[in-house]
N, C-alpha and C. Protein backbone atom coordinates (compact mmCIF):
# COMPACT_ATOMS: atom_id res chain seq x y z
N MET A 1 0.43 -1.13 -0.34
CA MET A 1 -0.15 0.52 0.25
C MET A 1 0.54 1.37 -0.24
N ARG A 2 2.05 1.32 0.98
CA ARG A 2 2.68 2.62 0.95
C ARG A 2 3.48 2.45 -0.09
N HIS A 3 3.96 1.21 -1.30
CA HIS A 3 4.89 1.75 -2.10
C HIS A 3 3.58 1.84 -3.33
N SER A 4 2.18 1.98 -3.35
CA SER A 4 1.53 2.19 -4.57
C SER A 4 1.24 4.03 -4.21
N LEU A 5 0.65 3.74 -3.03
CA LEU A 5 0.53 5.62 -2.26
C LEU A 5 1.56 6.78 -2.92
N SER A 6 3.67 6.16 -2.89
CA SER A 6 4.49 7.22 -3.27
C SER A 6 4.15 7.23 -4.86
N VAL A 7 4.25 6.09 -5.25
CA VAL A 7 3.99 6.00 -6.76
C VAL A 7 3.20 7.03 -7.12
N VAL A 8 2.05 7.01 -6.34
CA VAL A 8 0.73 7.90 -7.16
C VAL A 8 1.35 9.29 -7.18
N LEU A 9 1.74 9.02 -5.34
CA LEU A 9 1.97 10.81 -5.43
C LEU A 9 3.33 11.03 -6.64
N ALA A 10 4.55 10.81 -6.44
CA ALA A 10 5.45 11.04 -7.86
C ALA A 10 4.60 11.20 -8.87
N LEU A 11 3.22 10.61 -8.95
CA LEU A 11 2.88 11.14 -10.69
C LEU A 11 2.29 12.35 -10.78
N LEU A 12 1.65 11.71 -9.62
CA LEU A 12 0.59 14.00 -9.79
C LEU A 12 2.36 14.63 -9.21
N VAL A 13 3.12 14.74 -8.90
CA VAL A 13 4.21 15.97 -9.05
C VAL A 13 4.58 15.77 -9.85
N GLY A 14 5.01 14.57 -11.31
CA GLY A 14 5.53 14.95 -12.09
C GLY A 14 4.67 15.25 -13.10
N VAL A 15 3.81 15.35 -12.67
CA VAL A 15 2.51 15.95 -14.24
C VAL A 15 1.94 17.74 -14.04
N GLY A 16 3.20 17.60 -12.43
CA GLY A 16 2.21 19.28 -11.91
C GLY A 16 1.38 19.47 -11.28
N PHE A 17 0.72 18.00 -10.52
CA PHE A 17 -0.58 18.39 -9.38
C PHE A 17 -0.16 18.91 -7.91
N CYS A 18 1.00 18.45 -7.60
CA CYS A 18 1.65 19.02 -6.42
C CYS A 18 3.23 19.90 -6.65
N SER A 19 2.68 20.09 -7.81
CA SER A 19 4.03 20.59 -8.16
C SER A 19 3.94 22.70 -7.58
N PRO A 20 5.05 23.35 -7.13
CA PRO A 20 4.89 24.71 -7.36
C PRO A 20 3.52 25.76 -7.95
N GLY A 21 4.31 25.16 -9.40
CA GLY A 21 3.52 26.09 -9.98
C GLY A 21 2.42 25.84 -10.25
N PHE A 22 1.67 25.00 -9.36
CA PHE A 22 0.66 24.29 -9.99
C PHE A 22 -1.07 25.45 -9.97
N THR A 23 -1.45 26.18 -11.27
CA THR A 23 -2.71 26.69 -10.97
C THR A 23 -3.53 25.80 -11.64
N ALA A 24 -4.56 26.21 -11.27
CA ALA A 24 -5.76 25.87 -12.19
C ALA A 24 -6.85 27.14 -12.01
N ASP A 25 -7.22 26.01 -13.71
CA ASP A 25 -8.96 27.41 -14.32
C ASP A 25 -9.31 26.73 -13.21
N LEU A 26 -10.80 28.02 -12.13
CA LEU A 26 -11.69 27.55 -11.60
C LEU A 26 -13.71 27.97 -12.70
N PRO A 27 -13.93 27.00 -12.59
CA PRO A 27 -15.29 27.93 -13.00
C PRO A 27 -15.75 29.13 -12.92
N PHE A 28 -16.51 30.44 -13.40
CA PHE A 28 -16.98 31.73 -13.13
C PHE A 28 -18.57 31.64 -13.34
N LYS A 29 -19.29 32.30 -13.19
CA LYS A 29 -20.95 32.33 -13.76
C LYS A 29 -20.61 33.75 -13.70
N ILE A 30 -20.97 35.13 -13.93
CA ILE A 30 -21.29 36.55 -14.56
C ILE A 30 -22.10 36.58 -13.57
N LEU A 31 -22.17 37.58 -12.66
CA LEU A 31 -23.30 38.07 -12.20
C LEU A 31 -23.63 39.81 -12.53
N SER A 32 -22.55 40.42 -12.75
CA SER A 32 -22.78 41.52 -13.36
C SER A 32 -21.61 41.90 -14.18
N ALA A 33 -21.73 43.28 -15.00
CA ALA A 33 -20.55 43.01 -15.45
C ALA A 33 -20.59 44.78 -16.18
N GLY A 34 -19.67 45.90 -16.21
CA GLY A 34 -21.01 47.34 -16.59
C GLY A 34 -20.39 48.38 -15.94
N LYS A 35 -20.69 48.88 -16.12
CA LYS A 35 -20.20 51.26 -15.77
C LYS A 35 -20.94 50.63 -14.74
N VAL A 36 -20.55 51.04 -13.27
CA VAL A 36 -20.91 51.44 -12.03
C VAL A 36 -21.29 53.23 -11.71
N ARG A 37 -22.66 52.93 -10.81
CA ARG A 37 -22.67 54.32 -10.94
C ARG A 37 -22.45 55.03 -9.53
N GLY A 38 -21.83 56.22 -9.60
CA GLY A 38 -21.61 57.35 -8.45
C GLY A 38 -19.34 56.79 -7.89
N GLN A 39 -18.97 56.99 -6.52
CA GLN A 39 -17.86 56.92 -6.14
C GLN A 39 -18.05 55.88 -5.76
N VAL A 40 -17.09 55.32 -5.91
CA VAL A 40 -16.14 53.44 -5.64
C VAL A 40 -15.05 53.39 -5.52
N GLU A 41 -14.76 52.45 -4.74
CA GLU A 41 -12.93 52.62 -4.30
C GLU A 41 -12.50 51.37 -5.00
N ALA A 42 -11.75 51.43 -5.95
CA ALA A 42 -11.15 50.45 -6.85
C ALA A 42 -10.66 48.99 -6.14
N GLY A 43 -10.76 48.05 -6.94
CA GLY A 43 -9.94 46.91 -5.85
C GLY A 43 -10.96 45.34 -6.23
N VAL A 44 -10.16 44.50 -5.14
CA VAL A 44 -10.65 43.74 -5.17
C VAL A 44 -12.14 42.97 -3.95
N THR A 45 -13.39 42.80 -3.56
CA THR A 45 -13.28 42.44 -2.81
C THR A 45 -14.40 41.15 -2.96
N GLU A 46 -13.93 40.46 -1.54
CA GLU A 46 -14.37 38.90 -1.44
C GLU A 46 -15.73 38.60 -0.72
N VAL A 47 -16.65 38.21 -1.02
CA VAL A 47 -18.02 38.24 -0.88
C VAL A 47 -18.07 35.99 -0.31
N ARG A 48 -18.49 35.98 1.45
CA ARG A 48 -19.30 34.33 1.58
C ARG A 48 -20.24 34.44 2.21
N ASP A 49 -21.01 35.36 1.72
CA ASP A 49 -22.13 36.18 3.06
C ASP A 49 -22.89 36.21 2.14
N ALA A 50 -24.60 36.34 1.82
CA ALA A 50 -26.27 36.52 1.16
C ALA A 50 -25.97 38.36 1.99
N LYS A 51 -25.36 38.29 3.58
CA LYS A 51 -25.18 39.75 3.88
C LYS A 51 -25.28 40.71 3.05
N THR A 52 -23.49 39.92 3.23
CA THR A 52 -22.32 41.09 2.49
C THR A 52 -22.76 41.36 0.95
N LEU A 53 -23.15 39.85 0.50
CA LEU A 53 -23.80 40.46 -1.24
C LEU A 53 -24.68 41.72 -2.26
N ALA A 54 -24.82 41.64 -0.63
CA ALA A 54 -26.71 42.83 -1.03
C ALA A 54 -26.17 43.51 -1.08
N GLN A 55 -25.07 44.01 -0.10
CA GLN A 55 -24.58 45.32 0.13
C GLN A 55 -23.24 45.42 -0.50
N VAL A 56 -22.52 45.47 -0.95
CA VAL A 56 -22.11 45.48 -2.14
C VAL A 56 -22.60 45.47 -3.28
N TRP A 57 -24.22 45.13 -3.74
CA TRP A 57 -24.32 45.17 -5.03
C TRP A 57 -25.23 46.76 -4.92
N SER A 58 -25.54 46.98 -3.19
CA SER A 58 -26.64 47.24 -3.48
C SER A 58 -24.58 49.22 -3.21
N HIS A 59 -23.87 49.08 -3.02
CA HIS A 59 -22.98 50.03 -3.16
C HIS A 59 -22.41 50.82 -4.76
N LEU A 60 -22.71 49.49 -5.00
CA LEU A 60 -22.21 49.29 -6.44
C LEU A 60 -23.19 50.17 -7.06
N GLY A 61 -24.21 50.63 -6.55
CA GLY A 61 -25.89 50.37 -8.01
C GLY A 61 -25.72 49.75 -9.12
N LEU A 62 -25.45 48.55 -8.58
CA LEU A 62 -26.04 47.38 -9.79
C LEU A 62 -27.38 47.36 -10.03
N LYS A 63 -28.10 46.73 -10.92
CA LYS A 63 -29.89 47.24 -11.13
C LYS A 63 -29.88 45.74 -10.50
N GLY A 64 -31.66 45.87 -9.81
CA GLY A 64 -32.03 44.86 -9.48
C GLY A 64 -31.88 43.51 -7.72
N HIS A 65 -31.96 43.30 -7.52
CA HIS A 65 -31.58 43.07 -6.35
C HIS A 65 -30.30 42.36 -7.00
N ALA A 66 -29.75 41.58 -5.24
CA ALA A 66 -28.52 41.51 -5.68
C ALA A 66 -28.95 39.47 -6.31
N PRO A 67 -28.28 39.07 -7.13
CA PRO A 67 -29.13 37.30 -7.26
C PRO A 67 -28.44 36.77 -5.74
N LYS A 68 -28.97 34.85 -5.72
CA LYS A 68 -29.09 34.57 -4.55
C LYS A 68 -28.00 33.08 -5.43
N VAL A 69 -26.90 33.67 -4.33
CA VAL A 69 -26.52 32.07 -4.54
C VAL A 69 -25.57 30.98 -2.82
N ASN A 70 -25.46 30.08 -3.61
CA ASN A 70 -25.14 28.77 -2.65
C ASN A 70 -24.33 28.98 -2.58
N PHE A 71 -23.87 29.83 -0.70
CA PHE A 71 -22.72 30.21 -0.17
C PHE A 71 -21.62 28.99 0.22
N LYS A 72 -22.81 28.57 0.64
CA LYS A 72 -22.06 26.50 1.20
C LYS A 72 -21.24 26.06 0.07
N GLN A 73 -21.25 26.21 -1.08
CA GLN A 73 -20.72 25.45 -1.90
C GLN A 73 -19.45 26.91 -2.94
N ARG A 74 -20.12 27.64 -2.82
CA ARG A 74 -19.50 29.45 -3.98
C ARG A 74 -19.03 30.05 -3.22
N MET A 75 -18.27 31.25 -3.93
CA MET A 75 -18.14 32.97 -3.11
C MET A 75 -18.39 33.93 -4.20
N VAL A 76 -18.70 35.31 -3.90
CA VAL A 76 -18.11 36.00 -4.97
C VAL A 76 -17.24 36.67 -5.00
N VAL A 77 -16.81 37.66 -6.46
CA VAL A 77 -15.74 38.42 -6.10
C VAL A 77 -16.21 39.61 -6.47
N ALA A 78 -16.16 40.30 -6.16
CA ALA A 78 -16.97 41.65 -7.32
C ALA A 78 -15.44 42.20 -7.87
N TRP A 79 -15.33 43.11 -8.68
CA TRP A 79 -13.78 43.55 -9.06
C TRP A 79 -13.83 44.50 -9.74
N VAL A 80 -13.90 45.68 -8.71
CA VAL A 80 -13.77 47.86 -9.82
C VAL A 80 -12.96 48.08 -9.97
N GLY A 81 -12.58 49.07 -11.32
CA GLY A 81 -11.73 49.51 -11.43
C GLY A 81 -12.29 50.14 -12.67
N GLY A 82 -11.35 50.33 -13.89
CA GLY A 82 -11.99 51.16 -14.62
C GLY A 82 -10.61 52.36 -15.91
N GLY A 83 -11.52 53.22 -16.17
CA GLY A 83 -10.26 54.39 -17.39
C GLY A 83 -11.21 55.31 -18.13
N SER A 84 -11.26 55.15 -19.45
CA SER A 84 -12.51 55.41 -19.72
C SER A 84 -13.37 55.03 -20.08
N ALA A 85 -14.19 55.71 -19.88
CA ALA A 85 -15.94 55.87 -20.75
C ALA A 85 -16.79 54.50 -21.74
N CYS A 86 -15.80 54.45 -22.84
CA CYS A 86 -15.60 53.58 -23.51
C CYS A 86 -14.45 52.04 -23.88
N ASP A 87 -13.83 51.84 -22.47
CA ASP A 87 -13.48 50.71 -22.47
C ASP A 87 -14.20 50.64 -21.77
N LYS A 88 -14.30 48.75 -21.71
CA LYS A 88 -14.80 47.64 -22.13
C LYS A 88 -14.34 46.81 -21.10
N TYR A 89 -14.20 46.30 -19.88
CA TYR A 89 -14.39 45.16 -19.24
C TYR A 89 -14.40 43.64 -18.72
N VAL A 90 -13.35 42.33 -19.77
CA VAL A 90 -14.74 41.16 -19.68
C VAL A 90 -13.52 40.45 -19.02
N LEU A 91 -14.41 39.83 -17.87
CA LEU A 91 -13.63 38.22 -17.36
C LEU A 91 -12.93 37.25 -18.41
N ALA A 92 -12.17 36.54 -17.95
CA ALA A 92 -12.03 36.02 -19.85
C ALA A 92 -11.34 34.79 -18.76
N ARG A 93 -11.19 34.82 -17.76
CA ARG A 93 -10.45 34.04 -17.01
C ARG A 93 -10.59 33.65 -15.44
N VAL A 94 -9.99 33.01 -15.00
CA VAL A 94 -10.22 33.01 -13.58
C VAL A 94 -9.88 31.70 -12.90
N HIS A 95 -8.37 31.21 -12.22
CA HIS A 95 -7.92 30.08 -11.80
C HIS A 95 -6.66 30.87 -10.36
N GLU A 96 -6.47 29.61 -9.97
CA GLU A 96 -6.43 29.05 -8.59
C GLU A 96 -4.72 28.54 -8.41
N ASP A 97 -4.33 29.05 -7.57
CA ASP A 97 -2.76 28.50 -7.47
C ASP A 97 -2.86 27.88 -6.17
N GLU A 98 -1.20 27.58 -5.82
CA GLU A 98 -1.25 27.70 -4.06
C GLU A 98 -1.89 28.70 -3.33
N GLY A 99 -1.64 29.84 -3.58
CA GLY A 99 -1.48 30.60 -2.28
C GLY A 99 -3.00 32.53 -3.02
N ASN A 100 -3.12 31.90 -4.44
CA ASN A 100 -4.70 33.14 -4.52
C ASN A 100 -5.84 33.07 -5.74
N VAL A 101 -6.60 33.18 -5.57
CA VAL A 101 -7.81 32.85 -6.99
C VAL A 101 -7.31 34.37 -8.13
N THR A 102 -6.30 33.95 -9.35
CA THR A 102 -6.54 35.13 -9.69
C THR A 102 -7.84 35.20 -10.81
N LEU A 103 -7.80 36.74 -10.57
CA LEU A 103 -9.60 37.15 -11.83
C LEU A 103 -8.61 37.68 -12.63
N GLU A 104 -8.58 37.20 -14.28
CA GLU A 104 -7.40 37.65 -15.99
C GLU A 104 -8.68 38.49 -16.03
N ILE A 105 -8.83 40.08 -16.83
CA ILE A 105 -9.54 40.79 -16.64
C ILE A 105 -8.68 41.41 -17.91
N ASN A 106 -9.74 41.33 -18.83
CA ASN A 106 -8.99 41.85 -20.28
C ASN A 106 -9.34 43.11 -20.21
N ARG A 107 -9.15 44.34 -21.33
CA ARG A 107 -9.69 45.85 -21.16
C ARG A 107 -9.67 45.54 -22.37
N VAL A 108 -10.91 46.59 -23.15
CA VAL A 108 -11.19 46.24 -24.69
C VAL A 108 -11.10 48.15 -24.82
N ARG A 109 -10.24 47.77 -25.63
CA ARG A 109 -10.98 48.95 -26.16
C ARG A 109 -11.40 49.46 -27.79
N PRO A 110 -11.90 50.76 -27.50
CA PRO A 110 -12.37 51.09 -28.16
C PRO A 110 -12.00 50.79 -30.05
N PRO A 111 -12.33 51.08 -30.85
CA PRO A 111 -11.23 50.95 -32.39
C PRO A 111 -11.20 52.19 -32.36
N PRO A 112 -10.00 52.30 -33.48
CA PRO A 112 -9.03 53.08 -33.76
C PRO A 112 -10.08 54.34 -34.55
N GLY A 113 -10.19 55.40 -33.60
CA GLY A 113 -11.09 56.46 -35.13
C GLY A 113 -11.79 56.37 -34.39
N ARG A 114 -12.22 55.28 -33.20
CA ARG A 114 -14.04 55.70 -32.87
C ARG A 114 -13.26 57.36 -31.74
N MET A 115 -14.70 57.80 -31.70
CA MET A 115 -14.61 59.26 -30.61
C MET A 115 -14.89 58.70 -29.40
N CYS A 116 -14.30 58.90 -27.91
CA CYS A 116 -14.31 58.92 -27.05
C CYS A 116 -14.26 59.59 -25.86
N ILE A 117 -15.00 60.69 -25.58
CA ILE A 117 -15.17 61.14 -23.63
C ILE A 117 -14.01 60.57 -23.37
N MET A 118 -13.29 61.68 -22.77
CA MET A 118 -12.03 60.45 -22.14
C MET A 118 -12.55 60.89 -20.55
N ILE A 119 -12.66 60.36 -19.38
CA ILE A 119 -13.34 61.39 -18.62
C ILE A 119 -13.54 59.37 -17.91
N PHE A 120 -13.26 59.56 -16.84
CA PHE A 120 -13.46 58.29 -15.67
C PHE A 120 -14.31 57.77 -15.49
N SER A 121 -14.31 56.48 -15.45
CA SER A 121 -15.37 55.86 -15.65
C SER A 121 -15.79 54.51 -15.08
N PRO A 122 -15.65 54.52 -13.72
CA PRO A 122 -15.56 53.14 -13.01
C PRO A 122 -16.35 52.12 -13.24
N SER A 123 -16.71 51.14 -14.26
CA SER A 123 -16.03 49.38 -14.34
C SER A 123 -16.13 48.62 -12.98
N ALA A 124 -17.36 47.62 -12.98
CA ALA A 124 -18.08 46.24 -12.27
C ALA A 124 -17.62 45.04 -13.04
N ILE A 125 -17.16 43.70 -12.00
CA ILE A 125 -17.09 42.92 -12.74
C ILE A 125 -17.95 42.40 -11.51
N VAL A 126 -18.53 41.02 -11.46
CA VAL A 126 -19.49 41.18 -9.84
C VAL A 126 -19.83 38.97 -11.16
N ALA A 127 -18.95 38.33 -9.92
CA ALA A 127 -18.66 36.91 -10.47
C ALA A 127 -19.01 35.20 -9.23
N SER A 128 -19.67 35.36 -9.63
CA SER A 128 -19.03 33.46 -8.85
C SER A 128 -18.83 32.99 -9.12
N LEU A 129 -18.03 31.86 -8.43
CA LEU A 129 -16.34 30.95 -8.18
C LEU A 129 -16.58 29.83 -7.26
N PRO A 130 -16.32 27.89 -7.38
CA PRO A 130 -16.30 27.50 -6.28
C PRO A 130 -15.20 28.74 -5.42
N ARG A 131 -16.21 27.91 -4.32
CA ARG A 131 -15.54 29.07 -2.50
C ARG A 131 -14.40 27.98 -1.54
N THR A 132 -13.56 29.36 -2.02
CA THR A 132 -11.73 29.43 -1.60
C THR A 132 -11.74 30.55 0.00
N SER A 133 -11.21 29.63 0.90
CA SER A 133 -10.21 30.87 1.60
C SER A 133 -9.29 31.47 0.90
N LYS A 134 -8.33 31.41 -0.47
CA LYS A 134 -7.71 32.12 -0.39
C LYS A 134 -8.20 33.60 -1.42
N ALA A 135 -7.12 34.56 -1.07
CA ALA A 135 -6.97 35.85 -1.45
C ALA A 135 -7.74 35.47 -2.65
N ALA A 136 -8.48 36.26 -2.96
CA ALA A 136 -8.79 36.99 -4.82
C ALA A 136 -7.13 38.32 -4.70
N ARG A 137 -7.16 38.07 -6.51
CA ARG A 137 -6.74 39.28 -7.40
C ARG A 137 -7.48 39.17 -8.06
N ALA A 138 -6.83 40.22 -9.22
CA ALA A 138 -6.54 40.80 -10.39
C ALA A 138 -5.83 41.66 -11.45
N ASN A 139 -6.09 40.80 -12.22
CA ASN A 139 -5.11 41.61 -13.40
C ASN A 139 -5.54 41.72 -14.30
N VAL A 140 -5.72 43.00 -14.64
CA VAL A 140 -5.28 43.82 -16.04
C VAL A 140 -5.12 43.90 -17.00
N ALA A 141 -5.04 43.20 -18.66
CA ALA A 141 -4.24 42.83 -19.66
C ALA A 141 -4.92 43.71 -20.80
N ASP A 142 -4.36 44.70 -21.36
CA ASP A 142 -5.28 45.25 -22.86
C ASP A 142 -6.11 43.66 -23.66
N GLY A 143 -6.61 43.58 -23.79
CA GLY A 143 -7.31 43.18 -24.30
C GLY A 143 -7.17 43.62 -25.73
N GLY A 144 -6.83 44.68 -26.52
CA GLY A 144 -7.33 45.30 -27.95
C GLY A 144 -8.39 45.81 -28.09
N PRO A 145 -8.48 46.41 -29.36
CA PRO A 145 -10.23 46.59 -29.33
C PRO A 145 -11.09 45.62 -29.80
N ALA A 146 -12.77 46.04 -30.10
CA ALA A 146 -13.31 46.33 -29.16
C ALA A 146 -13.57 44.28 -31.03
N ALA A 147 -12.71 44.22 -31.61
CA ALA A 147 -12.99 43.37 -33.16
C ALA A 147 -12.44 41.97 -32.07
N ARG A 148 -11.81 42.15 -31.00
CA ARG A 148 -11.02 40.84 -30.64
C ARG A 148 -11.53 40.75 -28.94
N ASP A 149 -12.53 41.06 -29.09
CA ASP A 149 -13.89 40.73 -27.70
C ASP A 149 -14.46 38.86 -28.23
N SER A 150 -14.12 38.19 -26.80
CA SER A 150 -15.09 36.69 -27.13
C SER A 150 -15.95 36.72 -26.44
N SER A 151 -16.84 37.86 -26.24
CA SER A 151 -17.78 37.86 -25.01
C SER A 151 -19.35 38.60 -25.81
N ARG A 152 -19.31 38.38 -26.91
CA ARG A 152 -20.02 38.48 -27.13
C ARG A 152 -20.99 37.08 -28.20
């Protein structure tokens, strides 16, 4: 039995499941995405209960009531950031490593030549994902012009 357990662990390390550089994609569901109203602080908020979700939802000025989430199995992350009123932010990927859950967000800019008013307009992405105790963080990358936007 010990020998077979050692072999299984060696195989897991060999294919990267237990290695220090291990990352795994996590399934996610977008609950809301778009511009937010009012003054909001940029950053990532982790939500692990319905009361906090209702508070975050209201604070961001999102439409309707906060959706129901099974917080025994899932959690919610809310990212707020932004730039130009014409930029769009798309959650492309969520992955987990040994220390963090990372939201990979693409900034999609308007096509060249399109007129845009250069005012700051905060955007938010609110998504549910499998529950974890790890801290959430976000990486924002330039996703290019709207023609490359794969969320449609």
